[in-house]
Protein backbone atom coordinates (compact mmCIF):
# COMPACT_ATOMS: atom_id res chain seq x y z
CA MET A 1 0.00 0.00 0.00
CA ASN A 2 2.84 2.41 0.87
CA LYS A 3 4.64 1.64 -2.40
CA ILE A 4 1.51 2.40 -4.43
CA LEU A 5 0.92 5.65 -2.53
CA THR A 6 4.58 6.68 -2.94
CA ARG A 7 4.57 5.88 -6.66
CA THR A 8 1.30 7.71 -7.17
CA THR A 9 2.57 10.75 -5.27
CA LEU A 10 5.80 10.68 -7.27
CA LEU A 11 3.90 10.37 -10.56
CA VAL A 12 1.61 13.28 -9.65
CA ALA A 13 4.62 15.39 -8.59
CA VAL A 14 6.44 14.69 -11.87
CA ALA A 15 3.29 15.46 -13.87
CA MET A 16 2.79 18.76 -12.02
CA LEU A 17 6.44 19.68 -12.48
CA THR A 18 6.25 18.94 -16.21
CA ILE A 19 3.08 21.00 -16.62
CA GLY A 20 4.58 23.81 -14.55
CA LEU A 21 7.78 23.92 -16.59
CA MET A 22 5.91 23.90 -19.88
CA GLY A 23 3.64 26.69 -18.72
CA CYS A 24 6.55 28.82 -17.47
CA GLY A 25 8.73 28.33 -20.53
CA PRO A 26 9.63 31.06 -23.01
CA LYS A 27 6.81 32.36 -25.11
CA MET A 28 7.16 33.74 -28.62
CA ALA A 29 6.08 37.29 -29.26
CA ASN A 30 3.02 37.73 -31.43
CA LYS A 31 2.83 40.07 -34.44
CA LYS A 32 1.27 42.89 -32.40
CA GLN A 33 4.06 42.74 -29.83
CA LEU A 34 6.70 42.67 -32.57
CA SER A 35 5.05 45.67 -34.22
CA GLU A 36 4.99 47.55 -30.92
CA LEU A 37 8.64 46.65 -30.36
CA ASP A 38 9.55 47.98 -33.82
CA GLU A 39 7.66 51.21 -33.10
CA ALA A 40 9.42 51.60 -29.76
CA LYS A 41 12.79 50.95 -31.39
CA SER A 42 12.05 53.52 -34.09
CA ALA A 43 10.95 56.07 -31.50
CA PHE A 44 14.11 55.42 -29.48
CA GLU A 45 16.35 55.88 -32.53
CA SER A 46 14.53 59.09 -33.43
CA ALA A 47 14.90 60.41 -29.89
CA GLN A 48 18.58 59.42 -29.85
CA THR A 49 19.19 61.31 -33.11
CA LYS A 50 17.37 64.36 -31.77
CA TYR A 51 19.37 64.17 -28.53
CA ASP A 52 22.66 63.94 -30.45
CA ASN A 53 21.66 66.94 -32.60
CA LEU A 54 20.77 68.97 -29.51
CA ILE A 55 24.09 68.12 -27.85
CA SER A 56 25.90 69.20 -31.00
CA GLU A 57 23.93 72.45 -31.15
CA LYS A 58 24.63 73.08 -27.44
CA ASP A 59 28.37 72.65 -28.05
CA LYS A 60 28.26 75.08 -30.98
CA LEU A 61 26.34 77.63 -28.89
CA GLU A 62 28.81 77.32 -26.01
CA THR A 63 31.68 77.93 -28.44
CA GLN A 64 29.84 80.93 -29.89
CA LYS A 65 29.20 82.26 -26.36
CA ALA A 66 32.90 81.98 -25.50
CA ASN A 67 33.83 83.82 -28.72
CA LEU A 68 31.32 86.58 -28.02
CA ALA A 69 32.58 86.92 -24.44
CA THR A 70 36.12 87.35 -25.78
CA GLN A 71 34.92 89.94 -28.31
CA LEU A 72 33.07 91.82 -25.58
CA GLU A 73 36.15 91.82 -23.40
CA ASN A 74 38.27 93.16 -26.28
CA ILE A 75 35.75 95.88 -27.11
CA THR A 76 35.47 96.87 -23.45
CA THR A 77 39.26 97.13 -23.22
CA GLU A 78 39.32 99.23 -26.39
CA LEU A 79 36.57 101.48 -25.06
CA ASN A 80 38.43 102.02 -21.79
CA GLU A 81 41.62 102.86 -23.67
CA CYS A 82 39.72 105.38 -25.82
CA LYS A 83 38.20 106.97 -22.72
CA GLU A 84 41.63 107.28 -21.14
CA LYS A 85 43.03 108.94 -24.27
CA THR A 86 40.18 111.43 -24.48
CA GLY A 87 40.23 112.10 -20.76
CA LYS A 88 36.64 111.16 -20.08
């Protein structure tokens, strides 16, 4: 009686384990999920391109700002020199 009960319990445990593993296995994506993934990838690439362009523009603007600050400093120095020469 014990052997039959043990074998039955073991058989049920193996069957449940098999069913559990099959149910928890990897699942293939359906067409809708693949389409959504492609859309998300496209949106990411677009955002990445926009980000890269904005970083590039920021760098150009910072360079331009530095150049303008140098020009302003030079003009201010020139103006002060002119004021000193004219006595104002």
